[in-house]
Amino acid sequence: MLGSSNYMFGIYDGRTAKNDTPPKALPGSNQVTALFRDWFIRNKLPWDYTDFSGRSDYAAFLAEGIVAGGLFSGADD
């Protein structure tokens, strides 16, 4: 959530995809995680992993075996 008082520079962690995620989505999701992680490290920016919690639209993509990943900017709690 942009502008959240609980902001963070988060990277969705492909390793936390639900157990029933089709296997074909996992390697690509982990590659997206690594791509963002490496970029933040290279640019000496703070970041942390965030779990795929199911609170966003990526859940439907993963459920269909479609690679998902990206950034998380914070939440309301």
PDB file of N, CA and C in Angstrom:
ATOM      1  N   MET A   1       0.857  -1.166   0.000  1.00  0.00           N
ATOM      2  CA  MET A   1       0.000   0.000   0.000  1.00  0.00           C
ATOM      3  C   MET A   1       0.906   1.233   0.000  1.00  0.00           C
ATOM      4  N   LEU A   2       0.908   1.959  -1.085  1.00  0.00           N
ATOM      5  CA  LEU A   2       1.732   3.162  -1.158  1.00  0.00           C
ATOM      6  C   LEU A   2       1.244   4.186  -0.151  1.00  0.00           C
ATOM      7  N   GLY A   3       2.165   4.798   0.533  1.00  0.00           N
ATOM      8  CA  GLY A   3       1.822   5.805   1.520  1.00  0.00           C
ATOM      9  C   GLY A   3       1.478   5.224   2.882  1.00  0.00           C
ATOM     10  N   SER A   4       1.644   3.948   3.076  1.00  0.00           N
ATOM     11  CA  SER A   4       1.333   3.309   4.353  1.00  0.00           C
ATOM     12  C   SER A   4       2.275   3.813   5.435  1.00  0.00           C
ATOM     13  N   SER A   5       1.753   4.003   6.623  1.00  0.00           N
ATOM     14  CA  SER A   5       2.627   4.359   7.741  1.00  0.00           C
ATOM     15  C   SER A   5       3.492   3.165   8.139  1.00  0.00           C
ATOM     16  N   ASN A   6       3.134   1.990   7.662  1.00  0.00           N
ATOM     17  CA  ASN A   6       3.906   0.770   7.910  1.00  0.00           C
ATOM     18  C   ASN A   6       4.671   0.365   6.646  1.00  0.00           C
ATOM     19  N   TYR A   7       5.261   1.353   5.965  1.00  0.00           N
ATOM     20  CA  TYR A   7       5.913   1.078   4.686  1.00  0.00           C
ATOM     21  C   TYR A   7       7.133   0.179   4.863  1.00  0.00           C
ATOM     22  N   MET A   8       7.475  -0.476   3.795  1.00  0.00           N
ATOM     23  CA  MET A   8       8.694  -1.269   3.742  1.00  0.00           C
ATOM     24  C   MET A   8       9.077  -1.460   2.279  1.00  0.00           C
ATOM     25  N   PHE A   9      10.317  -1.834   2.051  1.00  0.00           N
ATOM     26  CA  PHE A   9      10.765  -2.244   0.728  1.00  0.00           C
ATOM     27  C   PHE A   9      10.801  -3.767   0.760  1.00  0.00           C
ATOM     28  N   GLY A  10       9.705  -4.365   0.369  1.00  0.00           N
ATOM     29  CA  GLY A  10       9.573  -5.815   0.455  1.00  0.00           C
ATOM     30  C   GLY A  10       9.640  -6.478  -0.905  1.00  0.00           C
ATOM     31  N   ILE A  11      10.186  -7.675  -0.917  1.00  0.00           N
ATOM     32  CA  ILE A  11      10.249  -8.501  -2.118  1.00  0.00           C
ATOM     33  C   ILE A  11       9.482  -9.778  -1.813  1.00  0.00           C
ATOM     34  N   TYR A  12       8.472 -10.069  -2.633  1.00  0.00           N
ATOM     35  CA  TYR A  12       7.742 -11.315  -2.422  1.00  0.00           C
ATOM     36  C   TYR A  12       8.702 -12.490  -2.545  1.00  0.00           C
ATOM     37  N   ASP A  13       8.666 -13.355  -1.557  1.00  0.00           N
ATOM     38  CA  ASP A  13       9.571 -14.492  -1.465  1.00  0.00           C
ATOM     39  C   ASP A  13       8.940 -15.707  -2.127  1.00  0.00           C
ATOM     40  N   GLY A  14       9.450 -16.074  -3.286  1.00  0.00           N
ATOM     41  CA  GLY A  14       8.910 -17.205  -4.029  1.00  0.00           C
ATOM     42  C   GLY A  14       8.921 -18.505  -3.253  1.00  0.00           C
ATOM     43  N   ARG A  15       9.797 -18.607  -2.264  1.00  0.00           N
ATOM     44  CA  ARG A  15       9.865 -19.835  -1.461  1.00  0.00           C
ATOM     45  C   ARG A  15       8.648 -20.005  -0.564  1.00  0.00           C
ATOM     46  N   THR A  16       7.838 -18.951  -0.410  1.00  0.00           N
ATOM     47  CA  THR A  16       6.682 -19.027   0.487  1.00  0.00           C
ATOM     48  C   THR A  16       5.371 -19.247  -0.257  1.00  0.00           C
ATOM     49  N   ALA A  17       5.440 -19.590  -1.532  1.00  0.00           N
ATOM     50  CA  ALA A  17       4.214 -19.906  -2.277  1.00  0.00           C
ATOM     51  C   ALA A  17       3.532 -21.104  -1.617  1.00  0.00           C
ATOM     52  N   LYS A  18       2.203 -21.111  -1.651  1.00  0.00           N
ATOM     53  CA  LYS A  18       1.445 -22.186  -1.016  1.00  0.00           C
ATOM     54  C   LYS A  18       1.872 -23.553  -1.543  1.00  0.00           C
ATOM     55  N   ASN A  19       1.729 -24.555  -0.702  1.00  0.00           N
ATOM     56  CA  ASN A  19       2.136 -25.917  -1.066  1.00  0.00           C
ATOM     57  C   ASN A  19       1.404 -26.458  -2.282  1.00  0.00           C
ATOM     58  N   ASP A  20       0.193 -25.965  -2.546  1.00  0.00           N
ATOM     59  CA  ASP A  20      -0.562 -26.478  -3.693  1.00  0.00           C
ATOM     60  C   ASP A  20      -0.316 -25.685  -4.981  1.00  0.00           C
ATOM     61  N   THR A  21       0.676 -24.801  -4.959  1.00  0.00           N
ATOM     62  CA  THR A  21       1.047 -24.072  -6.174  1.00  0.00           C
ATOM     63  C   THR A  21       1.618 -25.069  -7.184  1.00  0.00           C
ATOM     64  N   PRO A  22       1.121 -25.052  -8.417  1.00  0.00           N
ATOM     65  CA  PRO A  22       1.668 -25.970  -9.422  1.00  0.00           C
ATOM     66  C   PRO A  22       3.187 -25.791  -9.558  1.00  0.00           C
ATOM     67  N   PRO A  23       3.918 -26.887  -9.583  1.00  0.00           N
ATOM     68  CA  PRO A  23       5.382 -26.822  -9.612  1.00  0.00           C
ATOM     69  C   PRO A  23       5.961 -25.973 -10.742  1.00  0.00           C
ATOM     70  N   LYS A  24       5.255 -25.880 -11.873  1.00  0.00           N
ATOM     71  CA  LYS A  24       5.815 -25.121 -12.997  1.00  0.00           C
ATOM     72  C   LYS A  24       5.939 -23.628 -12.696  1.00  0.00           C
ATOM     73  N   ALA A  25       5.230 -23.114 -11.686  1.00  0.00           N
ATOM     74  CA  ALA A  25       5.298 -21.692 -11.348  1.00  0.00           C
ATOM     75  C   ALA A  25       6.444 -21.370 -10.397  1.00  0.00           C
ATOM     76  N   LEU A  26       6.971 -22.363  -9.718  1.00  0.00           N
ATOM     77  CA  LEU A  26       7.940 -22.098  -8.655  1.00  0.00           C
ATOM     78  C   LEU A  26       9.303 -21.613  -9.138  1.00  0.00           C
ATOM     79  N   PRO A  27       9.930 -22.236 -10.135  1.00  0.00           N
ATOM     80  CA  PRO A  27      11.252 -21.741 -10.549  1.00  0.00           C
ATOM     81  C   PRO A  27      11.222 -20.282 -11.016  1.00  0.00           C
ATOM     82  N   GLY A  28      10.237 -19.923 -11.800  1.00  0.00           N
ATOM     83  CA  GLY A  28      10.145 -18.549 -12.285  1.00  0.00           C
ATOM     84  C   GLY A  28       9.863 -17.561 -11.168  1.00  0.00           C
ATOM     85  N   SER A  29       9.021 -17.954 -10.226  1.00  0.00           N
ATOM     86  CA  SER A  29       8.723 -17.078  -9.089  1.00  0.00           C
ATOM     87  C   SER A  29       9.981 -16.850  -8.260  1.00  0.00           C
ATOM     88  N   ASN A  30      10.778 -17.891  -8.080  1.00  0.00           N
ATOM     89  CA  ASN A  30      12.040 -17.734  -7.352  1.00  0.00           C
ATOM     90  C   ASN A  30      13.031 -16.876  -8.132  1.00  0.00           C
ATOM     91  N   GLN A  31      12.995 -16.941  -9.451  1.00  0.00           N
ATOM     92  CA  GLN A  31      13.874 -16.095 -10.268  1.00  0.00           C
ATOM     93  C   GLN A  31      13.482 -14.624 -10.144  1.00  0.00           C
ATOM     94  N   VAL A  32      12.187 -14.345 -10.086  1.00  0.00           N
ATOM     95  CA  VAL A  32      11.738 -12.960  -9.895  1.00  0.00           C
ATOM     96  C   VAL A  32      12.232 -12.449  -8.546  1.00  0.00           C
ATOM     97  N   THR A  33      12.104 -13.279  -7.512  1.00  0.00           N
ATOM     98  CA  THR A  33      12.598 -12.910  -6.185  1.00  0.00           C
ATOM     99  C   THR A  33      14.084 -12.570  -6.255  1.00  0.00           C
ATOM    100  N   ALA A  34      14.868 -13.424  -6.883  1.00  0.00           N
ATOM    101  CA  ALA A  34      16.315 -13.213  -6.975  1.00  0.00           C
ATOM    102  C   ALA A  34      16.653 -11.958  -7.774  1.00  0.00           C
ATOM    103  N   LEU A  35      15.907 -11.699  -8.831  1.00  0.00           N
ATOM    104  CA  LEU A  35      16.141 -10.510  -9.651  1.00  0.00           C
ATOM    105  C   LEU A  35      16.013  -9.238  -8.816  1.00  0.00           C
ATOM    106  N   PHE A  36      14.916  -9.120  -8.065  1.00  0.00           N
ATOM    107  CA  PHE A  36      14.723  -7.932  -7.231  1.00  0.00           C
ATOM    108  C   PHE A  36      15.727  -7.889  -6.081  1.00  0.00           C
ATOM    109  N   ARG A  37      15.968  -9.015  -5.429  1.00  0.00           N
ATOM    110  CA  ARG A  37      16.928  -9.065  -4.323  1.00  0.00           C
ATOM    111  C   ARG A  37      18.292  -8.571  -4.783  1.00  0.00           C
ATOM    112  N   ASP A  38      18.759  -9.096  -5.904  1.00  0.00           N
ATOM    113  CA  ASP A  38      20.076  -8.709  -6.404  1.00  0.00           C
ATOM    114  C   ASP A  38      20.128  -7.233  -6.765  1.00  0.00           C
ATOM    115  N   TRP A  39      19.043  -6.695  -7.302  1.00  0.00           N
ATOM    116  CA  TRP A  39      19.007  -5.274  -7.655  1.00  0.00           C
ATOM    117  C   TRP A  39      19.119  -4.411  -6.398  1.00  0.00           C
ATOM    118  N   PHE A  40      18.362  -4.757  -5.357  1.00  0.00           N
ATOM    119  CA  PHE A  40      18.425  -3.984  -4.112  1.00  0.00           C
ATOM    120  C   PHE A  40      19.816  -4.071  -3.492  1.00  0.00           C
ATOM    121  N   ILE A  41      20.405  -5.249  -3.499  1.00  0.00           N
ATOM    122  CA  ILE A  41      21.751  -5.410  -2.940  1.00  0.00           C
ATOM    123  C   ILE A  41      22.761  -4.598  -3.741  1.00  0.00           C
ATOM    124  N   ARG A  42      22.713  -4.699  -5.055  1.00  0.00           N
ATOM    125  CA  ARG A  42      23.638  -3.964  -5.925  1.00  0.00           C
ATOM    126  C   ARG A  42      23.548  -2.457  -5.708  1.00  0.00           C
ATOM    127  N   ASN A  43      22.351  -1.973  -5.439  1.00  0.00           N
ATOM    128  CA  ASN A  43      22.149  -0.540  -5.254  1.00  0.00           C
ATOM    129  C   ASN A  43      22.200  -0.114  -3.792  1.00  0.00           C
ATOM    130  N   LYS A  44      22.589  -1.046  -2.919  1.00  0.00           N
ATOM    131  CA  LYS A  44      22.769  -0.773  -1.487  1.00  0.00           C
ATOM    132  C   LYS A  44      21.524  -0.144  -0.858  1.00  0.00           C
ATOM    133  N   LEU A  45      20.378  -0.708  -1.193  1.00  0.00           N
ATOM    134  CA  LEU A  45      19.109  -0.231  -0.648  1.00  0.00           C
ATOM    135  C   LEU A  45      18.568  -1.233   0.362  1.00  0.00           C
ATOM    136  N   PRO A  46      17.879  -0.737   1.392  1.00  0.00           N
ATOM    137  CA  PRO A  46      17.310  -1.650   2.386  1.00  0.00           C
ATOM    138  C   PRO A  46      16.135  -2.422   1.793  1.00  0.00           C
ATOM    139  N   TRP A  47      15.956  -3.643   2.226  1.00  0.00           N
ATOM    140  CA  TRP A  47      14.857  -4.473   1.736  1.00  0.00           C
ATOM    141  C   TRP A  47      14.676  -5.630   2.699  1.00  0.00           C
ATOM    142  N   ASP A  48      13.576  -6.323   2.541  1.00  0.00           N
ATOM    143  CA  ASP A  48      13.316  -7.538   3.305  1.00  0.00           C
ATOM    144  C   ASP A  48      12.387  -8.414   2.482  1.00  0.00           C
ATOM    145  N   TYR A  49      12.397  -9.696   2.769  1.00  0.00           N
ATOM    146  CA  TYR A  49      11.446 -10.595   2.132  1.00  0.00           C
ATOM    147  C   TYR A  49      10.069 -10.393   2.743  1.00  0.00           C
ATOM    148  N   THR A  50       9.042 -10.630   1.960  1.00  0.00           N
ATOM    149  CA  THR A  50       7.680 -10.694   2.471  1.00  0.00           C
ATOM    150  C   THR A  50       7.031 -11.947   1.886  1.00  0.00           C
ATOM    151  N   ASP A  51       6.211 -12.580   2.696  1.00  0.00           N
ATOM    152  CA  ASP A  51       5.586 -13.838   2.278  1.00  0.00           C
ATOM    153  C   ASP A  51       4.474 -13.613   1.265  1.00  0.00           C
ATOM    154  N   PHE A  52       4.270 -14.606   0.426  1.00  0.00           N
ATOM    155  CA  PHE A  52       3.059 -14.667  -0.380  1.00  0.00           C
ATOM    156  C   PHE A  52       1.943 -15.026   0.605  1.00  0.00           C
ATOM    157  N   SER A  53       1.202 -14.042   1.057  1.00  0.00           N
ATOM    158  CA  SER A  53       0.199 -14.269   2.105  1.00  0.00           C
ATOM    159  C   SER A  53      -1.196 -14.534   1.546  1.00  0.00           C
ATOM    160  N   GLY A  54      -1.371 -14.358   0.246  1.00  0.00           N
ATOM    161  CA  GLY A  54      -2.693 -14.552  -0.353  1.00  0.00           C
ATOM    162  C   GLY A  54      -3.559 -13.311  -0.317  1.00  0.00           C
ATOM    163  N   ARG A  55      -3.008 -12.171   0.128  1.00  0.00           N
ATOM    164  CA  ARG A  55      -3.796 -10.948   0.250  1.00  0.00           C
ATOM    165  C   ARG A  55      -3.793 -10.101  -1.019  1.00  0.00           C
ATOM    166  N   SER A  56      -3.245 -10.596  -2.086  1.00  0.00           N
ATOM    167  CA  SER A  56      -3.168  -9.803  -3.310  1.00  0.00           C
ATOM    168  C   SER A  56      -3.608 -10.642  -4.504  1.00  0.00           C
ATOM    169  N   ASP A  57      -3.611 -10.016  -5.673  1.00  0.00           N
ATOM    170  CA  ASP A  57      -4.100 -10.707  -6.867  1.00  0.00           C
ATOM    171  C   ASP A  57      -3.132 -11.757  -7.408  1.00  0.00           C
ATOM    172  N   TYR A  58      -1.924 -11.838  -6.870  1.00  0.00           N
ATOM    173  CA  TYR A  58      -0.983 -12.846  -7.351  1.00  0.00           C
ATOM    174  C   TYR A  58      -1.463 -14.264  -7.047  1.00  0.00           C
ATOM    175  N   ALA A  59      -2.303 -14.447  -6.036  1.00  0.00           N
ATOM    176  CA  ALA A  59      -2.753 -15.789  -5.635  1.00  0.00           C
ATOM    177  C   ALA A  59      -3.427 -16.521  -6.795  1.00  0.00           C
ATOM    178  N   ALA A  60      -4.240 -15.815  -7.560  1.00  0.00           N
ATOM    179  CA  ALA A  60      -4.936 -16.446  -8.689  1.00  0.00           C
ATOM    180  C   ALA A  60      -3.952 -16.874  -9.777  1.00  0.00           C
ATOM    181  N   PHE A  61      -2.911 -16.086  -9.987  1.00  0.00           N
ATOM    182  CA  PHE A  61      -1.902 -16.454 -10.981  1.00  0.00           C
ATOM    183  C   PHE A  61      -1.153 -17.706 -10.541  1.00  0.00           C
ATOM    184  N   LEU A  62      -0.694 -17.709  -9.298  1.00  0.00           N
ATOM    185  CA  LEU A  62       0.029 -18.876  -8.802  1.00  0.00           C
ATOM    186  C   LEU A  62      -0.835 -20.130  -8.851  1.00  0.00           C
ATOM    187  N   ALA A  63      -2.108 -19.988  -8.501  1.00  0.00           N
ATOM    188  CA  ALA A  63      -3.014 -21.141  -8.500  1.00  0.00           C
ATOM    189  C   ALA A  63      -3.139 -21.762  -9.888  1.00  0.00           C
ATOM    190  N   GLU A  64      -2.956 -20.947 -10.925  1.00  0.00           N
ATOM    191  CA  GLU A  64      -3.038 -21.446 -12.303  1.00  0.00           C
ATOM    192  C   GLU A  64      -1.672 -21.839 -12.869  1.00  0.00           C
ATOM    193  N   GLY A  65      -0.649 -21.777 -12.020  1.00  0.00           N
ATOM    194  CA  GLY A  65       0.682 -22.163 -12.468  1.00  0.00           C
ATOM    195  C   GLY A  65       1.431 -21.076 -13.196  1.00  0.00           C
ATOM    196  N   ILE A  66       0.978 -19.837 -13.038  1.00  0.00           N
ATOM    197  CA  ILE A  66       1.615 -18.694 -13.698  1.00  0.00           C
ATOM    198  C   ILE A  66       2.597 -18.053 -12.725  1.00  0.00           C
ATOM    199  N   VAL A  67       3.793 -17.808 -13.192  1.00  0.00           N
ATOM    200  CA  VAL A  67       4.833 -17.197 -12.372  1.00  0.00           C
ATOM    201  C   VAL A  67       4.344 -15.877 -11.790  1.00  0.00           C
ATOM    202  N   ALA A  68       4.678 -15.638 -10.532  1.00  0.00           N
ATOM    203  CA  ALA A  68       4.319 -14.379  -9.876  1.00  0.00           C
ATOM    204  C   ALA A  68       5.497 -13.918  -9.028  1.00  0.00           C
ATOM    205  N   GLY A  69       5.557 -12.642  -8.799  1.00  0.00           N
ATOM    206  CA  GLY A  69       6.595 -12.060  -7.962  1.00  0.00           C
ATOM    207  C   GLY A  69       6.488 -10.560  -8.040  1.00  0.00           C
ATOM    208  N   GLY A  70       7.264  -9.888  -7.230  1.00  0.00           N
ATOM    209  CA  GLY A  70       7.242  -8.439  -7.287  1.00  0.00           C
ATOM    210  C   GLY A  70       7.606  -7.802  -5.970  1.00  0.00           C
ATOM    211  N   LEU A  71       7.215  -6.554  -5.862  1.00  0.00           N
ATOM    212  CA  LEU A  71       7.547  -5.749  -4.695  1.00  0.00           C
ATOM    213  C   LEU A  71       6.322  -5.516  -3.829  1.00  0.00           C
ATOM    214  N   PHE A  72       6.572  -5.295  -2.562  1.00  0.00           N
ATOM    215  CA  PHE A  72       5.530  -5.042  -1.577  1.00  0.00           C
ATOM    216  C   PHE A  72       5.937  -3.783  -0.835  1.00  0.00           C
ATOM    217  N   SER A  73       5.025  -2.816  -0.727  1.00  0.00           N
ATOM    218  CA  SER A  73       5.396  -1.533  -0.126  1.00  0.00           C
ATOM    219  C   SER A  73       4.847  -1.309   1.272  1.00  0.00           C
ATOM    220  N   GLY A  74       4.116  -2.255   1.808  1.00  0.00           N
ATOM    221  CA  GLY A  74       3.595  -2.114   3.163  1.00  0.00           C
ATOM    222  C   GLY A  74       2.147  -2.529   3.234  1.00  0.00           C
ATOM    223  N   ALA A  75       1.615  -2.487   4.429  1.00  0.00           N
ATOM    224  CA  ALA A  75       0.233  -2.914   4.639  1.00  0.00           C
ATOM    225  C   ALA A  75      -0.419  -2.037   5.687  1.00  0.00           C
ATOM    226  N   ASP A  76      -1.685  -2.301   5.908  1.00  0.00           N
ATOM    227  CA  ASP A  76      -2.469  -1.479   6.816  1.00  0.00           C
ATOM    228  C   ASP A  76      -2.375  -1.888   8.271  1.00  0.00           C
ATOM    229  N   ASP A  77      -1.714  -2.988   8.568  1.00  0.00           N
ATOM    230  CA  ASP A  77      -1.653  -3.384   9.980  1.00  0.00           C
ATOM    231  C   ASP A  77      -0.262  -3.366  10.520  1.00  0.00           C
TER     232      ASP A  77
END
